[in-house]
Protein backbone atom coordinates (compact mmCIF):
# COMPACT_ATOMS: atom_id res chain seq x y z
CA MET A 1 -137.78 74.65 29.10
CA LEU A 2 -137.61 76.62 25.88
CA LEU A 3 -140.08 79.37 24.98
CA LEU A 4 -140.46 80.10 21.28
CA GLN A 5 -141.57 83.70 20.94
CA PHE A 6 -141.70 86.99 19.14
CA SER A 7 -139.68 89.31 21.38
CA THR A 8 -142.26 92.12 21.18
CA SER A 9 -145.43 90.02 21.48
CA HIS A 10 -147.62 90.81 24.49
CA TYR A 11 -148.99 87.25 24.39
CA CYS A 12 -145.45 85.92 24.71
CA ARG A 13 -144.93 88.35 27.59
CA LYS A 14 -147.90 86.70 29.30
CA ALA A 15 -146.14 83.32 29.16
CA ARG A 16 -142.88 84.83 30.46
CA LEU A 17 -144.66 86.43 33.41
CA ALA A 18 -146.18 83.08 34.37
CA LEU A 19 -142.85 81.27 34.06
CA GLY A 20 -141.18 83.95 36.15
CA TYR A 21 -143.86 83.89 38.83
CA LYS A 22 -143.48 80.14 39.12
CA GLY A 23 -139.71 80.52 39.37
CA ILE A 24 -139.20 78.07 36.51
CA HIS A 25 -135.88 78.24 34.68
CA TYR A 26 -136.35 78.65 30.93
CA GLN A 27 -134.67 79.96 27.82
CA VAL A 28 -136.18 81.88 24.93
CA GLU A 29 -135.72 81.59 21.19
CA ASN A 30 -136.81 84.66 19.26
CA LEU A 31 -138.32 83.83 15.88
CA THR A 32 -138.80 86.03 12.82
CA PRO A 33 -142.43 86.75 11.87
CA GLY A 34 -143.36 84.75 8.78
CA LEU A 35 -140.35 82.47 8.97
CA HIS A 36 -141.51 81.25 12.39
CA ILE A 37 -143.92 78.88 10.68
CA LEU A 38 -140.99 76.76 9.47
CA LYS A 39 -140.05 76.17 13.11
CA LEU A 40 -143.60 75.57 14.33
CA LYS A 41 -144.80 73.25 11.57
CA PRO A 42 -143.02 70.12 12.85
CA LEU A 43 -144.09 70.89 16.44
CA THR A 44 -147.71 72.01 16.41
CA ALA A 45 -150.60 72.65 14.07
CA LEU A 46 -150.70 76.25 15.30
CA THR A 47 -149.09 79.13 13.44
CA THR A 48 -149.04 81.52 16.39
CA LEU A 49 -146.66 82.11 19.28
CA PRO A 50 -145.86 81.58 22.10
CA VAL A 51 -145.05 77.88 22.06
CA LEU A 52 -143.45 76.23 25.07
CA LEU A 53 -141.17 73.23 24.69
CA PRO A 54 -140.93 71.63 28.16
CA GLN A 55 -137.98 69.42 27.11
CA ILE A 56 -138.79 67.13 30.04
CA GLU A 57 -139.37 63.40 29.83
CA GLY A 58 -143.01 62.50 30.31
CA GLN A 59 -144.23 65.99 29.40
CA PRO A 60 -145.76 67.18 26.10
CA GLN A 61 -143.31 67.97 23.34
CA ALA A 62 -144.87 71.34 22.59
CA ILE A 63 -147.61 73.49 24.10
CA GLY A 64 -149.08 76.28 22.02
CA ASP A 65 -151.29 79.24 23.06
CA SER A 66 -150.55 81.32 26.15
CA THR A 67 -153.65 80.10 28.00
CA GLN A 68 -152.68 76.46 27.51
CA ILE A 69 -149.13 77.26 28.62
CA LEU A 70 -150.41 78.77 31.88
CA SER A 71 -152.64 75.75 32.45
CA PHE A 72 -149.69 73.40 31.88
CA LEU A 73 -147.47 75.37 34.26
CA GLU A 74 -150.11 75.20 36.98
CA THR A 75 -150.22 71.42 36.67
CA TYR A 76 -146.45 71.04 36.35
CA GLN A 77 -145.67 73.29 39.32
CA PRO A 78 -148.76 74.12 41.43
CA GLU A 79 -146.99 76.57 43.75
CA PRO A 80 -147.07 79.49 43.76
CA ALA A 81 -150.58 79.12 42.42
CA LEU A 82 -152.06 81.14 39.57
CA PHE A 83 -155.40 79.38 39.91
CA LEU A 84 -157.71 80.31 42.77
CA THR A 85 -159.01 77.66 45.16
CA ASN A 86 -162.47 79.24 45.46
CA HIS A 87 -164.51 77.81 42.57
CA GLU A 88 -166.46 81.00 41.82
CA GLN A 89 -163.34 83.16 41.94
CA HIS A 90 -161.44 80.67 39.79
CA THR A 91 -164.20 80.76 37.19
CA GLU A 92 -164.25 84.57 37.26
CA ALA A 93 -160.47 84.74 36.82
CA LEU A 94 -160.59 82.35 33.84
CA MET A 95 -163.40 84.38 32.25
CA LEU A 96 -161.37 87.57 32.69
CA GLU A 97 -158.34 85.91 31.16
CA ASP A 98 -160.38 84.77 28.17
CA TRP A 99 -161.89 88.25 27.71
CA LEU A 100 -158.46 89.84 27.90
CA ASP A 101 -157.04 87.29 25.45
CA GLU A 102 -159.77 87.38 22.84
CA SER A 103 -160.92 90.99 23.00
CA ILE A 104 -158.62 93.34 24.87
CA GLY A 105 -155.31 91.88 23.72
CA THR A 106 -156.52 92.26 20.14
CA ALA A 107 -157.68 95.84 20.77
CA THR A 108 -154.28 96.65 22.26
CA ARG A 109 -152.57 95.26 19.16
CA PHE A 110 -154.69 97.44 16.86
CA VAL A 111 -154.11 100.64 18.85
CA TYR A 112 -150.41 99.95 19.37
CA TYR A 113 -149.53 99.21 15.75
CA HIS A 114 -151.60 102.14 14.54
CA PHE A 115 -149.58 104.37 16.88
CA ARG A 116 -146.27 102.83 15.75
CA ALA A 117 -147.13 103.49 12.12
CA ASP A 118 -147.99 107.13 12.81
CA ALA A 119 -147.05 109.25 15.84
CA GLY A 120 -144.79 106.55 17.26
CA LYS A 121 -142.86 105.88 14.06
CA GLN A 122 -139.74 107.52 15.50
CA ILE A 123 -139.47 104.85 18.22
CA ASP A 124 -137.75 102.55 15.75
CA GLN A 125 -137.32 103.77 12.19
CA SER A 126 -135.30 100.77 11.04
CA LEU A 127 -136.40 99.09 7.83
CA PHE A 128 -137.02 95.77 9.59
CA SER A 129 -139.27 97.40 12.22
CA GLN A 130 -141.27 99.26 9.59
CA ILE A 131 -141.71 96.08 7.53
CA VAL A 132 -142.99 94.18 10.58
CA ILE A 133 -145.43 96.97 11.42
CA ALA A 134 -146.72 97.06 7.84
CA VAL A 135 -147.13 93.26 7.75
CA VAL A 136 -149.02 93.19 11.06
CA ARG A 137 -151.31 96.02 9.99
CA LYS A 138 -152.15 94.23 6.75
CA GLN A 139 -152.52 90.81 8.39
CA TYR A 140 -155.01 92.01 11.00
CA GLY A 141 -156.80 94.66 8.95
CA ILE A 142 -155.63 97.56 11.10
CA ASN A 143 -157.08 100.79 9.71
CA ASN A 144 -158.74 103.95 11.00
CA THR A 145 -162.13 102.28 11.39
CA SER A 146 -160.89 99.18 13.18
CA VAL A 147 -158.65 101.27 15.44
CA GLU A 148 -161.57 103.50 16.41
CA LEU A 149 -163.54 100.44 17.51
CA ALA A 150 -160.51 99.06 19.36
CA THR A 151 -160.01 102.37 21.17
CA LYS A 152 -163.60 102.33 22.41
CA ARG A 153 -163.16 98.73 23.56
CA LEU A 154 -160.04 99.66 25.51
CA THR A 155 -161.79 102.59 27.18
CA ILE A 156 -164.53 100.28 28.47
CA ALA A 157 -161.99 97.67 29.53
CA LEU A 158 -159.89 100.14 31.50
CA GLU A 159 -162.98 101.41 33.30
CA GLU A 160 -163.83 97.83 34.30
CA LEU A 161 -160.29 96.99 35.41
CA SER A 162 -160.00 100.26 37.31
CA SER A 163 -162.92 99.37 39.56
CA SER A 164 -161.06 96.22 40.66
CA TRP A 165 -157.37 97.12 40.56
CA GLN A 166 -157.77 100.46 42.37
CA LYS A 167 -159.58 98.76 45.24
CA SER A 168 -157.31 95.73 45.54
CA LYS A 169 -153.92 94.48 44.38
CA TYR A 170 -155.68 91.66 42.55
CA LEU A 171 -158.44 91.53 39.96
CA VAL A 172 -159.95 88.45 41.63
CA GLY A 173 -159.34 86.85 45.02
CA ASP A 174 -156.52 87.50 47.47
CA HIS A 175 -153.45 86.61 45.42
CA LEU A 176 -152.06 86.94 41.91
CA SER A 177 -154.03 84.94 39.35
CA VAL A 178 -154.15 84.28 35.64
CA ALA A 179 -156.36 87.38 35.32
CA ASP A 180 -153.64 89.68 36.68
CA ILE A 181 -150.97 88.03 34.53
CA ALA A 182 -153.10 88.45 31.40
CA ALA A 183 -153.96 92.08 32.12
CA ALA A 184 -150.37 93.06 32.95
CA ALA A 185 -149.06 91.47 29.76
CA LEU A 186 -151.76 92.27 27.25
CA LEU A 187 -152.07 95.95 28.19
CA SER A 188 -148.31 96.53 28.46
CA PRO A 189 -147.81 97.82 24.87
CA LEU A 190 -149.94 100.86 25.78
CA ALA A 191 -147.04 102.09 27.93
CA LEU A 192 -145.39 103.57 24.84
CA ILE A 193 -148.46 105.65 24.00
CA PRO A 194 -148.44 108.98 25.91
CA HIS A 195 -152.26 109.23 26.04
CA TYR A 196 -152.54 106.00 28.01
CA ARG A 197 -149.43 106.46 30.13
CA GLN A 198 -150.62 109.89 31.28
CA GLY A 199 -154.31 109.03 31.59
CA TYR A 200 -154.03 105.73 33.47
CA PRO A 201 -151.08 105.95 35.90
CA TRP A 202 -152.64 103.36 38.23
CA LEU A 203 -152.60 100.81 35.40
CA PHE A 204 -148.90 101.08 34.70
CA GLU A 205 -147.95 101.18 38.37
CA ARG A 206 -149.72 97.84 38.74
CA ILE A 207 -148.11 96.46 35.57
CA VAL A 208 -144.69 97.39 37.00
CA GLN A 209 -145.49 95.71 40.33
CA ILE A 210 -146.55 92.48 38.63
CA HIS A 211 -143.45 92.45 36.41
CA GLN A 212 -141.22 92.93 39.42
CA LEU A 213 -143.05 90.19 41.32
CA CYS A 214 -142.50 87.85 38.36
CA GLY A 215 -138.88 88.89 37.81
CA GLU A 216 -139.66 89.98 34.26
CA GLN A 217 -138.01 92.91 32.50
CA LEU A 218 -140.28 95.94 32.34
CA PRO A 219 -142.04 96.72 29.06
CA PRO A 220 -140.72 99.59 26.93
CA GLY A 221 -141.98 102.90 28.25
CA LEU A 222 -142.06 101.89 31.91
CA GLU A 223 -138.38 101.98 32.84
CA LYS A 224 -138.77 105.27 34.76
CA LEU A 225 -141.60 103.87 36.88
CA LYS A 226 -139.25 101.21 38.21
CA MET A 227 -137.59 103.75 40.47
CA LYS A 228 -140.93 104.62 42.08
CA ASN A 229 -141.75 101.12 43.28
């Protein structure tokens, strides 16, 4: 299998975590923002990544959107399962995944790129990095007002996740699910922001645990936590 991705995308990280958890061998192809459309156009009507190319006879040629990729992987290789057998828990996990995808992942993007353009600019001062940051900020309308709203959304989200993750290893049910995968991936960019890393240690400890369980490289900012787990 081949995963088309942006190397820094938290949505692409979500797909990698699922592939790793399933123990599925795959390769990645890192695309350049903007130019990636030239690669995607012949494959899918979508303009966003990740896109998975199963490269297996009898399987779809291309699967776009991280949620659809996880659904495909569950059908292709049911074990270890990311879907819960209890219907109510399964529905709850899917709702959490959707909320994380549509609301919290977006809020993370706003807060992260605002940080990278300001206090976190020294992380990578290369021209290419600064161009990408500027393009993303313009594309998504990231400004002081939108970041303020995103910050409030993240505060509420972390309060909700805390009530589940600090009581149990899993957000729903008794084993890892799509909800845990989504949360670990879509909140991972916050690890580079000192305010979040210092204020929510339980969050990043759990993100590290899930990455290790899935055999995925830790997100930037969490390398030191690896030694504690």
